[in-house]
Amino acid sequence: MLATRLIWYVTGLLEGLLGLRLLLIALLANPANPFARLVARLTEPLVAPFRTLLLHGGHFARAEASTVVAMVVILLLAAALTGLFDVLRPQASV
């Protein structure tokens, strides 16, 4: 089904961007670098809702946790949407 493939395609793109964000944070990328800024700007709307979800001592731990939570939530939403499409799809008569 086209909708299911599209959902997983978009999910893969979002997960890839969030994974890249996580990698750049873990490697202490220079936040002034244009590529690091681009990744941060593209992923910020995905991470922002989870920024205050978990309490940690430092900025690095908080940013990393927010990104991981966003990745899990996006994956769960994609699975739920594709599951819903499977339930709503008409079954072929035998």
PDB file of N, CA and C in Angstrom:
ATOM      1  N   MET A   1       0.847  -1.180   0.000  1.00  0.00           N
ATOM      2  CA  MET A   1       0.000   0.000   0.000  1.00  0.00           C
ATOM      3  C   MET A   1       0.891   1.241   0.000  1.00  0.00           C
ATOM      4  N   LEU A   2       0.542   2.177  -0.827  1.00  0.00           N
ATOM      5  CA  LEU A   2       1.344   3.385  -1.005  1.00  0.00           C
ATOM      6  C   LEU A   2       1.469   4.192   0.289  1.00  0.00           C
ATOM      7  N   ALA A   3       0.372   4.344   1.023  1.00  0.00           N
ATOM      8  CA  ALA A   3       0.407   5.139   2.256  1.00  0.00           C
ATOM      9  C   ALA A   3       1.374   4.530   3.273  1.00  0.00           C
ATOM     10  N   THR A   4       1.368   3.225   3.388  1.00  0.00           N
ATOM     11  CA  THR A   4       2.262   2.553   4.329  1.00  0.00           C
ATOM     12  C   THR A   4       3.720   2.755   3.925  1.00  0.00           C
ATOM     13  N   ARG A   5       4.015   2.614   2.639  1.00  0.00           N
ATOM     14  CA  ARG A   5       5.390   2.824   2.175  1.00  0.00           C
ATOM     15  C   ARG A   5       5.828   4.265   2.398  1.00  0.00           C
ATOM     16  N   LEU A   6       4.924   5.203   2.174  1.00  0.00           N
ATOM     17  CA  LEU A   6       5.239   6.613   2.379  1.00  0.00           C
ATOM     18  C   LEU A   6       5.511   6.904   3.853  1.00  0.00           C
ATOM     19  N   ILE A   7       4.701   6.350   4.732  1.00  0.00           N
ATOM     20  CA  ILE A   7       4.918   6.548   6.176  1.00  0.00           C
ATOM     21  C   ILE A   7       6.294   6.036   6.582  1.00  0.00           C
ATOM     22  N   TRP A   8       6.671   4.845   6.115  1.00  0.00           N
ATOM     23  CA  TRP A   8       7.973   4.291   6.497  1.00  0.00           C
ATOM     24  C   TRP A   8       9.124   5.054   5.854  1.00  0.00           C
ATOM     25  N   TYR A   9       8.908   5.601   4.668  1.00  0.00           N
ATOM     26  CA  TYR A   9       9.937   6.417   4.014  1.00  0.00           C
ATOM     27  C   TYR A   9      10.196   7.692   4.829  1.00  0.00           C
ATOM     28  N   VAL A  10       9.130   8.384   5.194  1.00  0.00           N
ATOM     29  CA  VAL A  10       9.266   9.615   5.991  1.00  0.00           C
ATOM     30  C   VAL A  10       9.856   9.289   7.361  1.00  0.00           C
ATOM     31  N   THR A  11       9.414   8.191   7.950  1.00  0.00           N
ATOM     32  CA  THR A  11       9.963   7.779   9.241  1.00  0.00           C
ATOM     33  C   THR A  11      11.465   7.533   9.140  1.00  0.00           C
ATOM     34  N   GLY A  12      11.889   6.880   8.075  1.00  0.00           N
ATOM     35  CA  GLY A  12      13.325   6.643   7.873  1.00  0.00           C
ATOM     36  C   GLY A  12      14.112   7.935   7.750  1.00  0.00           C
ATOM     37  N   LEU A  13      13.558   8.900   7.020  1.00  0.00           N
ATOM     38  CA  LEU A  13      14.227  10.201   6.900  1.00  0.00           C
ATOM     39  C   LEU A  13      14.348  10.890   8.254  1.00  0.00           C
ATOM     40  N   LEU A  14      13.251  10.909   9.008  1.00  0.00           N
ATOM     41  CA  LEU A  14      13.263  11.566  10.316  1.00  0.00           C
ATOM     42  C   LEU A  14      14.206  10.861  11.287  1.00  0.00           C
ATOM     43  N   GLU A  15      14.156   9.533  11.301  1.00  0.00           N
ATOM     44  CA  GLU A  15      15.042   8.772  12.185  1.00  0.00           C
ATOM     45  C   GLU A  15      16.504   9.001  11.800  1.00  0.00           C
ATOM     46  N   GLY A  16      16.784   9.076  10.501  1.00  0.00           N
ATOM     47  CA  GLY A  16      18.148   9.340  10.052  1.00  0.00           C
ATOM     48  C   GLY A  16      18.641  10.710  10.498  1.00  0.00           C
ATOM     49  N   LEU A  17      17.789  11.718  10.360  1.00  0.00           N
ATOM     50  CA  LEU A  17      18.169  13.063  10.811  1.00  0.00           C
ATOM     51  C   LEU A  17      18.384  13.106  12.319  1.00  0.00           C
ATOM     52  N   LEU A  18      17.485  12.462  13.067  1.00  0.00           N
ATOM     53  CA  LEU A  18      17.632  12.447  14.525  1.00  0.00           C
ATOM     54  C   LEU A  18      18.864  11.653  14.945  1.00  0.00           C
ATOM     55  N   GLY A  19      19.151  10.568  14.243  1.00  0.00           N
ATOM     56  CA  GLY A  19      20.362   9.804  14.528  1.00  0.00           C
ATOM     57  C   GLY A  19      21.609  10.621  14.254  1.00  0.00           C
ATOM     58  N   LEU A  20      21.583  11.388  13.172  1.00  0.00           N
ATOM     59  CA  LEU A  20      22.704  12.271  12.856  1.00  0.00           C
ATOM     60  C   LEU A  20      22.858  13.336  13.941  1.00  0.00           C
ATOM     61  N   ARG A  21      21.743  13.888  14.406  1.00  0.00           N
ATOM     62  CA  ARG A  21      21.791  14.874  15.496  1.00  0.00           C
ATOM     63  C   ARG A  21      22.439  14.255  16.734  1.00  0.00           C
ATOM     64  N   LEU A  22      22.019  13.044  17.058  1.00  0.00           N
ATOM     65  CA  LEU A  22      22.553  12.339  18.220  1.00  0.00           C
ATOM     66  C   LEU A  22      24.056  12.114  18.072  1.00  0.00           C
ATOM     67  N   LEU A  23      24.472  11.711  16.893  1.00  0.00           N
ATOM     68  CA  LEU A  23      25.895  11.485  16.635  1.00  0.00           C
ATOM     69  C   LEU A  23      26.686  12.784  16.771  1.00  0.00           C
ATOM     70  N   LEU A  24      26.167  13.871  16.199  1.00  0.00           N
ATOM     71  CA  LEU A  24      26.871  15.155  16.289  1.00  0.00           C
ATOM     72  C   LEU A  24      26.977  15.632  17.735  1.00  0.00           C
ATOM     73  N   ILE A  25      25.919  15.419  18.520  1.00  0.00           N
ATOM     74  CA  ILE A  25      25.973  15.795  19.934  1.00  0.00           C
ATOM     75  C   ILE A  25      27.000  14.945  20.665  1.00  0.00           C
ATOM     76  N   ALA A  26      26.984  13.645  20.402  1.00  0.00           N
ATOM     77  CA  ALA A  26      27.912  12.735  21.087  1.00  0.00           C
ATOM     78  C   ALA A  26      29.364  13.038  20.735  1.00  0.00           C
ATOM     79  N   LEU A  27      29.601  13.465  19.506  1.00  0.00           N
ATOM     80  CA  LEU A  27      30.965  13.773  19.077  1.00  0.00           C
ATOM     81  C   LEU A  27      31.364  15.211  19.374  1.00  0.00           C
ATOM     82  N   LEU A  28      30.491  15.938  20.059  1.00  0.00           N
ATOM     83  CA  LEU A  28      30.731  17.339  20.427  1.00  0.00           C
ATOM     84  C   LEU A  28      31.031  18.196  19.203  1.00  0.00           C
ATOM     85  N   ALA A  29      30.187  18.080  18.196  1.00  0.00           N
ATOM     86  CA  ALA A  29      30.356  18.879  16.975  1.00  0.00           C
ATOM     87  C   ALA A  29      30.261  20.363  17.307  1.00  0.00           C
ATOM     88  N   ASN A  30      30.976  21.155  16.542  1.00  0.00           N
ATOM     89  CA  ASN A  30      30.972  22.601  16.710  1.00  0.00           C
ATOM     90  C   ASN A  30      29.591  23.141  16.320  1.00  0.00           C
ATOM     91  N   PRO A  31      28.842  23.730  17.271  1.00  0.00           N
ATOM     92  CA  PRO A  31      27.507  24.232  16.949  1.00  0.00           C
ATOM     93  C   PRO A  31      27.506  25.401  15.965  1.00  0.00           C
ATOM     94  N   ALA A  32      28.656  26.013  15.729  1.00  0.00           N
ATOM     95  CA  ALA A  32      28.747  27.112  14.763  1.00  0.00           C
ATOM     96  C   ALA A  32      28.970  26.604  13.338  1.00  0.00           C
ATOM     97  N   ASN A  33      29.274  25.318  13.186  1.00  0.00           N
ATOM     98  CA  ASN A  33      29.473  24.739  11.863  1.00  0.00           C
ATOM     99  C   ASN A  33      28.155  24.760  11.094  1.00  0.00           C
ATOM    100  N   PRO A  34      28.178  25.182   9.824  1.00  0.00           N
ATOM    101  CA  PRO A  34      26.928  25.276   9.053  1.00  0.00           C
ATOM    102  C   PRO A  34      26.165  23.958   8.948  1.00  0.00           C
ATOM    103  N   PHE A  35      26.863  22.835   8.786  1.00  0.00           N
ATOM    104  CA  PHE A  35      26.180  21.550   8.689  1.00  0.00           C
ATOM    105  C   PHE A  35      25.533  21.177  10.024  1.00  0.00           C
ATOM    106  N   ALA A  36      26.254  21.374  11.123  1.00  0.00           N
ATOM    107  CA  ALA A  36      25.702  21.079  12.444  1.00  0.00           C
ATOM    108  C   ALA A  36      24.488  21.968  12.731  1.00  0.00           C
ATOM    109  N   ARG A  37      24.552  23.239  12.322  1.00  0.00           N
ATOM    110  CA  ARG A  37      23.411  24.148  12.508  1.00  0.00           C
ATOM    111  C   ARG A  37      22.216  23.692  11.685  1.00  0.00           C
ATOM    112  N   LEU A  38      22.451  23.235  10.452  1.00  0.00           N
ATOM    113  CA  LEU A  38      21.362  22.756   9.598  1.00  0.00           C
ATOM    114  C   LEU A  38      20.666  21.552  10.229  1.00  0.00           C
ATOM    115  N   VAL A  39      21.437  20.598  10.691  1.00  0.00           N
ATOM    116  CA  VAL A  39      20.859  19.413  11.324  1.00  0.00           C
ATOM    117  C   VAL A  39      20.082  19.816  12.579  1.00  0.00           C
ATOM    118  N   ALA A  40      20.643  20.725  13.367  1.00  0.00           N
ATOM    119  CA  ALA A  40      19.961  21.176  14.587  1.00  0.00           C
ATOM    120  C   ALA A  40      18.644  21.879  14.251  1.00  0.00           C
ATOM    121  N   ARG A  41      18.651  22.723  13.235  1.00  0.00           N
ATOM    122  CA  ARG A  41      17.427  23.449  12.856  1.00  0.00           C
ATOM    123  C   ARG A  41      16.354  22.511  12.320  1.00  0.00           C
ATOM    124  N   LEU A  42      16.754  21.529  11.532  1.00  0.00           N
ATOM    125  CA  LEU A  42      15.785  20.589  10.966  1.00  0.00           C
ATOM    126  C   LEU A  42      15.167  19.676  12.020  1.00  0.00           C
ATOM    127  N   THR A  43      15.943  19.336  13.038  1.00  0.00           N
ATOM    128  CA  THR A  43      15.455  18.377  14.034  1.00  0.00           C
ATOM    129  C   THR A  43      14.880  19.027  15.285  1.00  0.00           C
ATOM    130  N   GLU A  44      15.135  20.289  15.488  1.00  0.00           N
ATOM    131  CA  GLU A  44      14.651  20.959  16.706  1.00  0.00           C
ATOM    132  C   GLU A  44      13.144  20.816  16.908  1.00  0.00           C
ATOM    133  N   PRO A  45      12.311  20.999  15.874  1.00  0.00           N
ATOM    134  CA  PRO A  45      10.868  20.845  16.098  1.00  0.00           C
ATOM    135  C   PRO A  45      10.466  19.428  16.531  1.00  0.00           C
ATOM    136  N   LEU A  46      11.282  18.435  16.200  1.00  0.00           N
ATOM    137  CA  LEU A  46      10.983  17.061  16.593  1.00  0.00           C
ATOM    138  C   LEU A  46      11.413  16.785  18.029  1.00  0.00           C
ATOM    139  N   VAL A  47      12.451  17.456  18.474  1.00  0.00           N
ATOM    140  CA  VAL A  47      13.025  17.212  19.795  1.00  0.00           C
ATOM    141  C   VAL A  47      12.412  18.117  20.868  1.00  0.00           C
ATOM    142  N   ALA A  48      12.008  19.312  20.487  1.00  0.00           N
ATOM    143  CA  ALA A  48      11.539  20.323  21.451  1.00  0.00           C
ATOM    144  C   ALA A  48      10.437  19.836  22.391  1.00  0.00           C
ATOM    145  N   PRO A  49       9.432  19.099  21.921  1.00  0.00           N
ATOM    146  CA  PRO A  49       8.371  18.681  22.849  1.00  0.00           C
ATOM    147  C   PRO A  49       8.858  17.769  23.982  1.00  0.00           C
ATOM    148  N   PHE A  50      10.025  17.162  23.811  1.00  0.00           N
ATOM    149  CA  PHE A  50      10.518  16.209  24.810  1.00  0.00           C
ATOM    150  C   PHE A  50      11.666  16.765  25.645  1.00  0.00           C
ATOM    151  N   ARG A  51      12.044  18.021  25.404  1.00  0.00           N
ATOM    152  CA  ARG A  51      13.197  18.597  26.075  1.00  0.00           C
ATOM    153  C   ARG A  51      13.048  18.647  27.603  1.00  0.00           C
ATOM    154  N   THR A  52      11.855  18.883  28.094  1.00  0.00           N
ATOM    155  CA  THR A  52      11.661  18.973  29.548  1.00  0.00           C
ATOM    156  C   THR A  52      11.053  17.703  30.132  1.00  0.00           C
ATOM    157  N   LEU A  53      10.956  16.651  29.344  1.00  0.00           N
ATOM    158  CA  LEU A  53      10.365  15.409  29.823  1.00  0.00           C
ATOM    159  C   LEU A  53      11.213  14.749  30.893  1.00  0.00           C
ATOM    160  N   LEU A  54      12.510  14.689  30.671  1.00  0.00           N
ATOM    161  CA  LEU A  54      13.423  14.037  31.606  1.00  0.00           C
ATOM    162  C   LEU A  54      14.355  15.070  32.232  1.00  0.00           C
ATOM    163  N   LEU A  55      14.630  14.908  33.508  1.00  0.00           N
ATOM    164  CA  LEU A  55      15.526  15.823  34.212  1.00  0.00           C
ATOM    165  C   LEU A  55      16.908  15.199  34.301  1.00  0.00           C
ATOM    166  N   HIS A  56      17.911  15.938  33.848  1.00  0.00           N
ATOM    167  CA  HIS A  56      19.307  15.502  33.910  1.00  0.00           C
ATOM    168  C   HIS A  56      20.151  16.683  34.341  1.00  0.00           C
ATOM    169  N   GLY A  57      21.354  16.379  34.755  1.00  0.00           N
ATOM    170  CA  GLY A  57      22.224  17.428  35.246  1.00  0.00           C
ATOM    171  C   GLY A  57      22.776  18.361  34.187  1.00  0.00           C
ATOM    172  N   GLY A  58      23.233  17.828  33.064  1.00  0.00           N
ATOM    173  CA  GLY A  58      23.916  18.667  32.084  1.00  0.00           C
ATOM    174  C   GLY A  58      23.161  18.781  30.778  1.00  0.00           C
ATOM    175  N   HIS A  59      23.568  19.750  29.970  1.00  0.00           N
ATOM    176  CA  HIS A  59      22.926  19.983  28.675  1.00  0.00           C
ATOM    177  C   HIS A  59      23.089  18.772  27.763  1.00  0.00           C
ATOM    178  N   PHE A  60      24.275  18.170  27.740  1.00  0.00           N
ATOM    179  CA  PHE A  60      24.528  17.038  26.851  1.00  0.00           C
ATOM    180  C   PHE A  60      23.562  15.898  27.133  1.00  0.00           C
ATOM    181  N   ALA A  61      23.407  15.522  28.394  1.00  0.00           N
ATOM    182  CA  ALA A  61      22.519  14.407  28.737  1.00  0.00           C
ATOM    183  C   ALA A  61      21.074  14.734  28.393  1.00  0.00           C
ATOM    184  N   ARG A  62      20.634  15.947  28.631  1.00  0.00           N
ATOM    185  CA  ARG A  62      19.257  16.345  28.345  1.00  0.00           C
ATOM    186  C   ARG A  62      18.993  16.326  26.840  1.00  0.00           C
ATOM    187  N   ALA A  63      19.929  16.860  26.059  1.00  0.00           N
ATOM    188  CA  ALA A  63      19.771  16.891  24.602  1.00  0.00           C
ATOM    189  C   ALA A  63      19.760  15.481  24.039  1.00  0.00           C
ATOM    190  N   GLU A  64      20.609  14.633  24.554  1.00  0.00           N
ATOM    191  CA  GLU A  64      20.670  13.256  24.067  1.00  0.00           C
ATOM    192  C   GLU A  64      19.384  12.511  24.413  1.00  0.00           C
ATOM    193  N   ALA A  65      18.884  12.670  25.610  1.00  0.00           N
ATOM    194  CA  ALA A  65      17.655  11.988  26.009  1.00  0.00           C
ATOM    195  C   ALA A  65      16.467  12.474  25.182  1.00  0.00           C
ATOM    196  N   SER A  66      16.375  13.747  24.926  1.00  0.00           N
ATOM    197  CA  SER A  66      15.278  14.299  24.120  1.00  0.00           C
ATOM    198  C   SER A  66      15.285  13.715  22.717  1.00  0.00           C
ATOM    199  N   THR A  67      16.461  13.577  22.152  1.00  0.00           N
ATOM    200  CA  THR A  67      16.577  13.037  20.805  1.00  0.00           C
ATOM    201  C   THR A  67      16.173  11.568  20.774  1.00  0.00           C
ATOM    202  N   VAL A  68      16.602  10.804  21.748  1.00  0.00           N
ATOM    203  CA  VAL A  68      16.255   9.385  21.806  1.00  0.00           C
ATOM    204  C   VAL A  68      14.751   9.214  21.998  1.00  0.00           C
ATOM    205  N   VAL A  69      14.158  10.000  22.880  1.00  0.00           N
ATOM    206  CA  VAL A  69      12.708   9.923  23.094  1.00  0.00           C
ATOM    207  C   VAL A  69      11.968  10.280  21.802  1.00  0.00           C
ATOM    208  N   ALA A  70      12.411  11.317  21.107  1.00  0.00           N
ATOM    209  CA  ALA A  70      11.774  11.700  19.846  1.00  0.00           C
ATOM    210  C   ALA A  70      11.865  10.571  18.833  1.00  0.00           C
ATOM    211  N   MET A  71      12.997   9.893  18.764  1.00  0.00           N
ATOM    212  CA  MET A  71      13.164   8.779  17.824  1.00  0.00           C
ATOM    213  C   MET A  71      12.193   7.644  18.139  1.00  0.00           C
ATOM    214  N   VAL A  72      12.045   7.327  19.412  1.00  0.00           N
ATOM    215  CA  VAL A  72      11.145   6.246  19.820  1.00  0.00           C
ATOM    216  C   VAL A  72       9.698   6.622  19.528  1.00  0.00           C
ATOM    217  N   VAL A  73       9.315   7.851  19.845  1.00  0.00           N
ATOM    218  CA  VAL A  73       7.939   8.293  19.614  1.00  0.00           C
ATOM    219  C   VAL A  73       7.600   8.275  18.124  1.00  0.00           C
ATOM    220  N   ILE A  74       8.504   8.751  17.291  1.00  0.00           N
ATOM    221  CA  ILE A  74       8.258   8.756  15.846  1.00  0.00           C
ATOM    222  C   ILE A  74       8.101   7.324  15.329  1.00  0.00           C
ATOM    223  N   LEU A  75       8.941   6.431  15.793  1.00  0.00           N
ATOM    224  CA  LEU A  75       8.846   5.035  15.372  1.00  0.00           C
ATOM    225  C   LEU A  75       7.522   4.414  15.811  1.00  0.00           C
ATOM    226  N   LEU A  76       7.097   4.687  17.040  1.00  0.00           N
ATOM    227  CA  LEU A  76       5.819   4.158  17.529  1.00  0.00           C
ATOM    228  C   LEU A  76       4.635   4.744  16.749  1.00  0.00           C
ATOM    229  N   LEU A  77       4.686   6.023  16.441  1.00  0.00           N
ATOM    230  CA  LEU A  77       3.617   6.639  15.646  1.00  0.00           C
ATOM    231  C   LEU A  77       3.531   6.020  14.254  1.00  0.00           C
ATOM    232  N   ALA A  78       4.677   5.790  13.637  1.00  0.00           N
ATOM    233  CA  ALA A  78       4.681   5.173  12.309  1.00  0.00           C
ATOM    234  C   ALA A  78       4.094   3.771  12.365  1.00  0.00           C
ATOM    235  N   ALA A  79       4.469   3.002  13.375  1.00  0.00           N
ATOM    236  CA  ALA A  79       3.935   1.648  13.515  1.00  0.00           C
ATOM    237  C   ALA A  79       2.428   1.689  13.752  1.00  0.00           C
ATOM    238  N   ALA A  80       1.968   2.638  14.572  1.00  0.00           N
ATOM    239  CA  ALA A  80       0.533   2.751  14.842  1.00  0.00           C
ATOM    240  C   ALA A  80      -0.237   3.147  13.587  1.00  0.00           C
ATOM    241  N   LEU A  81       0.290   4.094  12.828  1.00  0.00           N
ATOM    242  CA  LEU A  81      -0.389   4.522  11.603  1.00  0.00           C
ATOM    243  C   LEU A  81      -0.459   3.408  10.566  1.00  0.00           C
ATOM    244  N   THR A  82       0.637   2.703  10.371  1.00  0.00           N
ATOM    245  CA  THR A  82       0.614   1.626   9.386  1.00  0.00           C
ATOM    246  C   THR A  82      -0.276   0.486   9.855  1.00  0.00           C
ATOM    247  N   GLY A  83      -0.309   0.235  11.153  1.00  0.00           N
ATOM    248  CA  GLY A  83      -1.225  -0.774  11.688  1.00  0.00           C
ATOM    249  C   GLY A  83      -2.677  -0.375  11.472  1.00  0.00           C
ATOM    250  N   LEU A  84      -2.969   0.904  11.651  1.00  0.00           N
ATOM    251  CA  LEU A  84      -4.326   1.402  11.420  1.00  0.00           C
ATOM    252  C   LEU A  84      -4.716   1.246   9.957  1.00  0.00           C
ATOM    253  N   PHE A  85      -3.785   1.552   9.063  1.00  0.00           N
ATOM    254  CA  PHE A  85      -4.073   1.368   7.635  1.00  0.00           C
ATOM    255  C   PHE A  85      -4.342  -0.099   7.308  1.00  0.00           C
ATOM    256  N   ASP A  86      -3.612  -1.008   7.942  1.00  0.00           N
ATOM    257  CA  ASP A  86      -3.842  -2.442   7.716  1.00  0.00           C
ATOM    258  C   ASP A  86      -5.225  -2.855   8.192  1.00  0.00           C
ATOM    259  N   VAL A  87      -5.661  -2.305   9.315  1.00  0.00           N
ATOM    260  CA  VAL A  87      -6.999  -2.635   9.846  1.00  0.00           C
ATOM    261  C   VAL A  87      -8.086  -2.065   8.942  1.00  0.00           C
ATOM    262  N   LEU A  88      -7.883  -0.864   8.436  1.00  0.00           N
ATOM    263  CA  LEU A  88      -8.904  -0.196   7.629  1.00  0.00           C
ATOM    264  C   LEU A  88      -8.929  -0.661   6.163  1.00  0.00           C
ATOM    265  N   ARG A  89      -7.880  -1.330   5.735  1.00  0.00           N
ATOM    266  CA  ARG A  89      -7.821  -1.786   4.337  1.00  0.00           C
ATOM    267  C   ARG A  89      -8.855  -2.875   4.105  1.00  0.00           C
ATOM    268  N   PRO A  90      -9.640  -2.740   3.058  1.00  0.00           N
ATOM    269  CA  PRO A  90     -10.628  -3.796   2.763  1.00  0.00           C
ATOM    270  C   PRO A  90      -9.926  -5.108   2.428  1.00  0.00           C
ATOM    271  N   GLN A  91     -10.461  -6.183   2.971  1.00  0.00           N
ATOM    272  CA  GLN A  91      -9.894  -7.498   2.723  1.00  0.00           C
ATOM    273  C   GLN A  91     -10.501  -8.086   1.448  1.00  0.00           C
ATOM    274  N   ALA A  92      -9.686  -8.769   0.679  1.00  0.00           N
ATOM    275  CA  ALA A  92     -10.154  -9.399  -0.545  1.00  0.00           C
ATOM    276  C   ALA A  92     -11.043 -10.583  -0.217  1.00  0.00           C
ATOM    277  N   SER A  93     -12.130 -10.712  -0.934  1.00  0.00           N
ATOM    278  CA  SER A  93     -13.048 -11.840  -0.735  1.00  0.00           C
ATOM    279  C   SER A  93     -12.465 -13.078  -1.381  1.00  0.00           C
ATOM    280  N   VAL A  94     -12.648 -14.195  -0.709  1.00  0.00           N
ATOM    281  CA  VAL A  94     -12.130 -15.466  -1.218  1.00  0.00           C
ATOM    282  C   VAL A  94     -13.178 -16.171  -2.017  1.00  0.00           C
TER     283      VAL A  94
END
